[in-house]
Amino acid sequence: MWIPINGFCGLEEEVHSPGASYQDEWGVTYVKNGWPIMVQTDTPIKSRDDWSRYTMPNASAPHRTAMLSATVQNNPHDLAIIAGFLGPFTMMYWYLMDLETLSLTIHDDPDLVHEMTAAFTAWTLESAQLAADLGGVDAFSISDDWGGTTNLLMSPSHLREFFIPPFRDIVQGMKRLGLPVIMHNDGRIWDVLDDLVDTGINAFHPVERAAGMDLARVKERYRGRLCPIGNINNKTTMVTGTPEDVRREALECLRIAAPGGGYILATDHSLHDDIPLENILAYVGVAKENGTYPCLWI
């Protein structure tokens, strides 16, 4: 059960009417036009002057772990609870700034990017401490999308200079709290996957098949270092395939990545509204029937 900290950008904490415009505690402006992720229409930081006047939300505010706390209290102890956080790249290009502003700032004022990512890193680790102190949380998850379907959203050199170091600091800080760290990072990210694994993450979601992320290659290359999660195509197989198509692809994933352990069966992104219920049940059925060890069926 993935539960974000309160203040996870893009998730409503109060109900708004469709079409309503509102700001969250980060100063990001949204229009209510979908669930669970709203589309932002304005971001708070466009210049160094904006940053000099900006006040980040209180990382230790009493409501920060409200959803996590309620989930822990109501967990029948048969669910793993994953505390969700955003990563520095996504926070910078999607919420604090937009991609155009961030790209110009990297050129015009690179020190500002470093200052902002350092502040966000400190904020995230303070919030992670609260989540760890709750007890009952089993892992951390960092959502930080670096890639599109065909390539990275930013050059490898800029990712390595500005965003991988703070991401590594967050991962290592979370691991010092005694919990494993999962990263959600869809898209085609081959060019920086070694860098990502070197940050110390324990698991990588969703190994997006639709973006050319090959499960066998990931499993073999990082065997014993990284747990891949996902790779069932949720754009084609899960949406337009038959339940038998889903079962066939799910079993393929298990045959590739389950031997020796260190794999979690999942789709290559999410279970969304376009997926027929019978296909979801087929995927879950494969996990229930074939997802235990020893895997005599392989």
Protein backbone atom coordinates (compact mmCIF):
# COMPACT_ATOMS: atom_id res chain seq x y z
CA MET A 1 0.00 0.00 0.00
CA TRP A 2 1.69 3.20 -1.24
CA ILE A 3 0.78 6.14 0.98
CA PRO A 4 2.36 9.56 0.36
CA ILE A 5 3.32 11.99 3.02
CA ASN A 6 0.83 14.84 3.30
CA GLY A 7 2.11 17.60 1.06
CA PHE A 8 3.01 15.25 -1.80
CA CYS A 9 2.49 17.63 -4.72
CA GLY A 10 -0.43 17.01 -7.03
CA LEU A 11 -2.57 15.11 -4.53
CA GLU A 12 -5.60 16.85 -3.06
CA GLU A 13 -5.83 17.07 0.71
CA GLU A 14 -9.24 18.70 0.55
CA VAL A 15 -11.99 18.26 -2.01
CA HIS A 16 -12.31 20.94 -4.69
CA SER A 17 -15.08 21.36 -7.22
CA PRO A 18 -14.28 20.35 -10.82
CA GLY A 19 -12.69 23.28 -12.61
CA ALA A 20 -11.70 25.02 -9.38
CA SER A 21 -8.28 26.67 -9.11
CA TYR A 22 -6.32 26.31 -5.88
CA GLN A 23 -2.82 26.37 -4.41
CA ASP A 24 -1.14 23.74 -2.26
CA GLU A 25 1.22 24.48 0.62
CA TRP A 26 4.18 24.67 -1.78
CA GLY A 27 2.53 27.53 -3.67
CA VAL A 28 1.84 25.41 -6.76
CA THR A 29 -1.40 26.37 -8.54
CA TYR A 30 -3.65 23.60 -9.87
CA VAL A 31 -6.93 23.24 -11.68
CA LYS A 32 -9.15 20.41 -10.51
CA ASN A 33 -9.56 18.31 -13.64
CA GLY A 34 -8.83 14.73 -12.67
CA TRP A 35 -7.82 12.33 -9.94
CA PRO A 36 -5.47 11.63 -8.28
CA ILE A 37 -2.99 13.89 -10.07
CA MET A 38 -4.01 17.45 -10.77
CA VAL A 39 -2.38 19.47 -13.56
CA GLN A 40 -0.47 22.49 -12.32
CA THR A 41 -1.06 25.80 -14.07
CA ASP A 42 1.55 27.91 -12.29
CA THR A 43 4.69 27.32 -10.26
CA PRO A 44 6.10 29.50 -7.46
CA ILE A 45 9.76 29.94 -8.48
CA LYS A 46 10.70 31.72 -11.69
CA SER A 47 13.81 33.60 -10.57
CA ARG A 48 16.34 33.99 -7.77
CA ASP A 49 14.21 36.84 -6.41
CA ASP A 50 11.26 34.45 -6.11
CA TRP A 51 13.48 31.96 -4.26
CA SER A 52 14.77 34.64 -1.88
CA ARG A 53 11.18 35.39 -0.84
CA TYR A 54 10.03 31.77 -0.78
CA THR A 55 9.35 29.85 2.42
CA MET A 56 9.23 26.08 2.19
CA PRO A 57 6.46 24.26 4.05
CA ASN A 58 7.22 23.06 7.56
CA ALA A 59 8.65 19.55 7.08
CA SER A 60 7.67 18.55 10.62
CA ALA A 61 4.14 19.98 10.54
CA PRO A 62 1.67 17.85 12.55
CA HIS A 63 -0.29 16.89 9.43
CA ARG A 64 2.78 15.68 7.52
CA THR A 65 2.22 12.00 8.33
CA ALA A 66 -1.55 12.06 8.82
CA MET A 67 -2.35 9.65 5.97
CA LEU A 68 0.53 7.36 6.88
CA SER A 69 -0.48 7.31 10.53
CA ALA A 70 -4.10 6.42 9.72
CA THR A 71 -2.92 3.65 7.41
CA VAL A 72 -0.54 2.18 9.99
CA GLN A 73 -3.26 2.23 12.64
CA ASN A 74 -5.71 0.41 10.37
CA ASN A 75 -3.30 -2.05 8.78
CA PRO A 76 -4.34 -5.64 9.52
CA HIS A 77 -0.60 -6.46 9.34
CA ASP A 78 -0.88 -8.26 6.02
CA LEU A 79 -0.01 -5.21 3.92
CA ALA A 80 3.40 -3.68 3.36
CA ILE A 81 3.12 0.10 3.83
CA ILE A 82 5.29 2.19 1.53
CA ALA A 83 5.83 5.86 2.42
CA GLY A 84 5.83 7.98 -0.75
CA PHE A 85 8.07 10.99 -1.46
CA LEU A 86 8.98 13.03 -4.52
CA GLY A 87 12.52 13.23 -5.88
CA PRO A 88 14.51 16.40 -6.58
CA PHE A 89 14.29 16.40 -10.39
CA THR A 90 10.52 16.01 -10.51
CA MET A 91 10.09 18.55 -7.74
CA MET A 92 12.19 21.07 -9.64
CA TYR A 93 10.85 20.70 -13.18
CA TRP A 94 7.20 19.96 -12.38
CA TYR A 95 6.31 21.79 -9.17
CA LEU A 96 8.77 24.41 -7.87
CA MET A 97 9.63 25.41 -11.45
CA ASP A 98 8.50 24.24 -14.87
CA LEU A 99 10.87 22.50 -17.28
CA GLU A 100 11.48 25.61 -19.40
CA THR A 101 12.34 27.76 -16.37
CA LEU A 102 14.54 25.05 -14.90
CA SER A 103 16.43 24.60 -18.17
CA LEU A 104 17.12 28.34 -18.43
CA THR A 105 18.14 28.49 -14.77
CA ILE A 106 20.66 25.68 -15.24
CA HIS A 107 22.28 27.87 -17.89
CA ASP A 108 21.88 31.29 -16.25
CA ASP A 109 22.13 30.58 -12.52
CA PRO A 110 23.28 27.01 -11.81
CA ASP A 111 24.00 27.85 -8.18
CA LEU A 112 20.29 28.51 -7.65
CA VAL A 113 19.48 24.97 -8.78
CA HIS A 114 22.00 23.56 -6.29
CA GLU A 115 20.57 25.74 -3.49
CA MET A 116 17.02 24.62 -4.18
CA THR A 117 17.82 20.92 -4.45
CA ALA A 118 19.84 21.11 -1.21
CA ALA A 119 16.88 22.70 0.58
CA PHE A 120 14.50 20.09 -0.80
CA THR A 121 16.86 17.27 0.21
CA ALA A 122 16.92 18.53 3.79
CA TRP A 123 13.12 18.89 3.79
CA THR A 124 12.62 15.36 2.47
CA LEU A 125 14.93 13.74 5.02
CA GLU A 126 13.25 15.60 7.88
CA SER A 127 9.88 14.31 6.68
CA ALA A 128 11.28 10.81 6.21
CA GLN A 129 12.41 10.83 9.84
CA LEU A 130 8.80 11.49 10.89
CA ALA A 131 7.60 8.58 8.74
CA ALA A 132 10.22 6.24 10.19
CA ASP A 133 9.38 7.31 13.75
CA LEU A 134 5.75 6.24 13.23
CA GLY A 135 6.65 2.56 13.18
CA GLY A 136 4.71 0.27 10.87
CA VAL A 137 6.22 1.72 7.68
CA ASP A 138 8.04 -0.98 5.70
CA ALA A 139 9.84 0.97 2.97
CA PHE A 140 10.31 4.37 1.41
CA SER A 141 9.44 5.15 -2.21
CA ILE A 142 10.84 8.10 -4.18
CA SER A 143 8.99 9.12 -7.35
CA ASP A 144 11.36 10.95 -9.68
CA ASP A 145 10.75 10.62 -13.41
CA TRP A 146 13.88 11.18 -15.50
CA GLY A 147 12.77 9.77 -18.83
CA GLY A 148 10.17 9.84 -21.56
CA THR A 149 9.17 6.98 -23.80
CA THR A 150 12.15 7.34 -26.12
CA ASN A 151 14.84 9.18 -24.15
CA LEU A 152 15.78 11.13 -21.05
CA LEU A 153 14.06 14.40 -20.21
CA MET A 154 17.43 16.05 -19.57
CA SER A 155 20.96 15.26 -20.69
CA PRO A 156 22.92 12.68 -18.70
CA SER A 157 25.55 15.27 -17.87
CA HIS A 158 23.02 17.69 -16.37
CA LEU A 159 21.31 14.91 -14.43
CA ARG A 160 24.69 13.88 -13.03
CA GLU A 161 25.65 17.44 -12.13
CA PHE A 162 22.43 18.73 -10.62
CA PHE A 163 20.07 15.92 -9.65
CA ILE A 164 21.75 12.58 -9.07
CA PRO A 165 23.88 13.86 -6.14
CA PRO A 166 20.88 15.16 -4.14
CA PHE A 167 18.93 12.03 -5.06
CA ARG A 168 21.81 9.93 -3.69
CA ASP A 169 21.80 12.00 -0.50
CA ILE A 170 18.09 11.32 -0.04
CA VAL A 171 18.50 7.58 -0.69
CA GLN A 172 21.42 7.24 1.70
CA GLY A 173 19.66 9.33 4.36
CA MET A 174 16.56 7.17 4.13
CA LYS A 175 18.57 3.97 4.33
CA ARG A 176 20.23 5.23 7.51
CA LEU A 177 16.72 5.24 9.00
CA GLY A 178 16.71 1.48 8.57
CA LEU A 179 14.26 1.02 5.70
CA PRO A 180 14.76 -0.06 2.08
CA VAL A 181 14.23 2.46 -0.72
CA ILE A 182 12.22 1.93 -3.90
CA MET A 183 12.51 4.33 -6.82
CA HIS A 184 9.68 4.98 -9.26
CA ASN A 185 11.26 6.22 -12.49
CA ASP A 186 9.42 5.34 -15.67
CA GLY A 187 10.61 5.98 -19.19
CA ARG A 188 13.73 5.00 -21.09
CA ILE A 189 16.63 5.66 -18.71
CA TRP A 190 19.39 3.30 -19.90
CA ASP A 191 21.93 6.14 -20.17
CA VAL A 192 21.86 6.82 -16.41
CA LEU A 193 20.70 3.49 -15.01
CA ASP A 194 24.19 2.64 -13.70
CA ASP A 195 24.24 6.01 -11.91
CA LEU A 196 20.82 5.31 -10.45
CA VAL A 197 21.79 1.90 -9.11
CA ASP A 198 24.98 3.37 -7.65
CA THR A 199 22.88 5.73 -5.47
CA GLY A 200 22.00 2.67 -3.39
CA ILE A 201 18.33 2.17 -4.18
CA ASN A 202 17.07 -1.30 -3.32
CA ALA A 203 14.36 -1.58 -5.97
CA PHE A 204 13.45 0.00 -9.31
CA HIS A 205 9.88 0.49 -10.54
CA PRO A 206 8.42 0.12 -13.16
CA VAL A 207 11.00 -1.16 -15.73
CA GLU A 208 8.72 0.26 -18.41
CA ARG A 209 8.32 -2.24 -21.24
CA ALA A 210 6.63 0.41 -23.40
CA ALA A 211 9.79 2.54 -23.14
CA GLY A 212 12.13 -0.26 -24.16
CA MET A 213 13.30 -1.20 -20.65
CA ASP A 214 14.27 -4.87 -20.97
CA LEU A 215 13.55 -6.85 -17.81
CA ALA A 216 16.05 -9.63 -18.58
CA ARG A 217 18.84 -7.11 -19.13
CA VAL A 218 18.05 -5.23 -15.91
CA LYS A 219 17.85 -8.44 -13.89
CA GLU A 220 21.11 -9.84 -15.20
CA ARG A 221 23.08 -6.60 -15.08
CA TYR A 222 22.21 -5.78 -11.47
CA ARG A 223 21.64 -9.22 -10.03
CA GLY A 224 21.95 -9.13 -6.26
CA ARG A 225 22.07 -5.31 -6.22
CA LEU A 226 18.63 -4.28 -7.41
CA CYS A 227 15.08 -5.64 -7.22
CA PRO A 228 13.18 -4.83 -10.44
CA ILE A 229 9.45 -4.19 -10.08
CA GLY A 230 7.05 -4.32 -13.03
CA ASN A 231 7.33 -4.81 -16.82
CA ILE A 232 3.77 -5.98 -17.65
CA ASN A 233 2.68 -3.54 -20.35
CA ASN A 234 -0.12 -1.35 -19.05
CA LYS A 235 -0.52 0.58 -22.31
CA THR A 236 -1.34 -2.38 -24.57
CA THR A 237 -1.51 -5.79 -22.90
CA MET A 238 -3.39 -4.66 -19.80
CA VAL A 239 -5.72 -2.35 -21.76
CA THR A 240 -6.59 -4.15 -25.00
CA GLY A 241 -5.29 -7.68 -24.39
CA THR A 242 -7.37 -10.61 -23.23
CA PRO A 243 -6.99 -12.07 -19.73
CA GLU A 244 -4.98 -14.85 -21.36
CA ASP A 245 -2.65 -12.26 -22.92
CA VAL A 246 -2.16 -10.74 -19.47
CA ARG A 247 -1.45 -14.13 -17.90
CA ARG A 248 1.04 -14.96 -20.66
CA GLU A 249 2.98 -11.70 -20.19
CA ALA A 250 2.91 -11.95 -16.39
CA LEU A 251 4.29 -15.48 -16.54
CA GLU A 252 6.97 -14.31 -18.95
CA CYS A 253 8.06 -11.69 -16.41
CA LEU A 254 8.20 -14.31 -13.66
CA ARG A 255 10.24 -16.71 -15.79
CA ILE A 256 12.72 -13.95 -16.58
CA ALA A 257 13.13 -12.25 -13.22
CA ALA A 258 11.85 -14.50 -10.42
CA PRO A 259 14.63 -17.16 -10.36
CA GLY A 260 16.90 -16.50 -7.43
CA GLY A 261 14.49 -14.00 -5.90
CA GLY A 262 14.65 -10.24 -6.08
CA TYR A 263 11.69 -9.45 -8.32
CA ILE A 264 8.21 -8.01 -7.69
CA LEU A 265 5.51 -8.70 -10.28
CA ALA A 266 3.72 -5.52 -11.38
CA THR A 267 2.64 -3.56 -14.42
CA ASP A 268 5.10 -1.18 -16.05
CA HIS A 269 3.39 1.84 -14.51
CA SER A 270 0.01 1.59 -12.76
CA LEU A 271 -3.49 0.15 -12.78
CA HIS A 272 -5.51 2.94 -14.42
CA ASP A 273 -9.11 3.49 -15.45
CA ASP A 274 -8.68 2.14 -19.00
CA ILE A 275 -7.74 -1.35 -17.78
CA PRO A 276 -10.62 -3.86 -17.70
CA LEU A 277 -11.25 -5.42 -14.31
CA GLU A 278 -10.92 -8.95 -15.72
CA ASN A 279 -7.35 -8.14 -16.82
CA ILE A 280 -6.46 -6.87 -13.37
CA LEU A 281 -7.88 -10.06 -11.85
CA ALA A 282 -5.87 -12.15 -14.34
CA TYR A 283 -2.64 -10.38 -13.36
CA VAL A 284 -3.36 -10.74 -9.64
CA GLY A 285 -4.27 -14.38 -10.20
CA VAL A 286 -0.87 -15.12 -11.73
CA ALA A 287 0.81 -13.61 -8.68
CA LYS A 288 -1.31 -15.68 -6.29
CA GLU A 289 -0.89 -18.91 -8.21
CA ASN A 290 2.76 -18.60 -9.21
CA GLY A 291 4.36 -15.96 -7.05
CA THR A 292 5.66 -18.12 -4.22
CA TYR A 293 8.89 -20.06 -3.80
CA PRO A 294 10.10 -22.60 -4.73
CA CYS A 295 9.03 -21.77 -8.30
CA LEU A 296 8.68 -25.31 -9.57
CA TRP A 297 6.80 -24.07 -12.61
CA ILE A 298 9.75 -22.16 -14.11
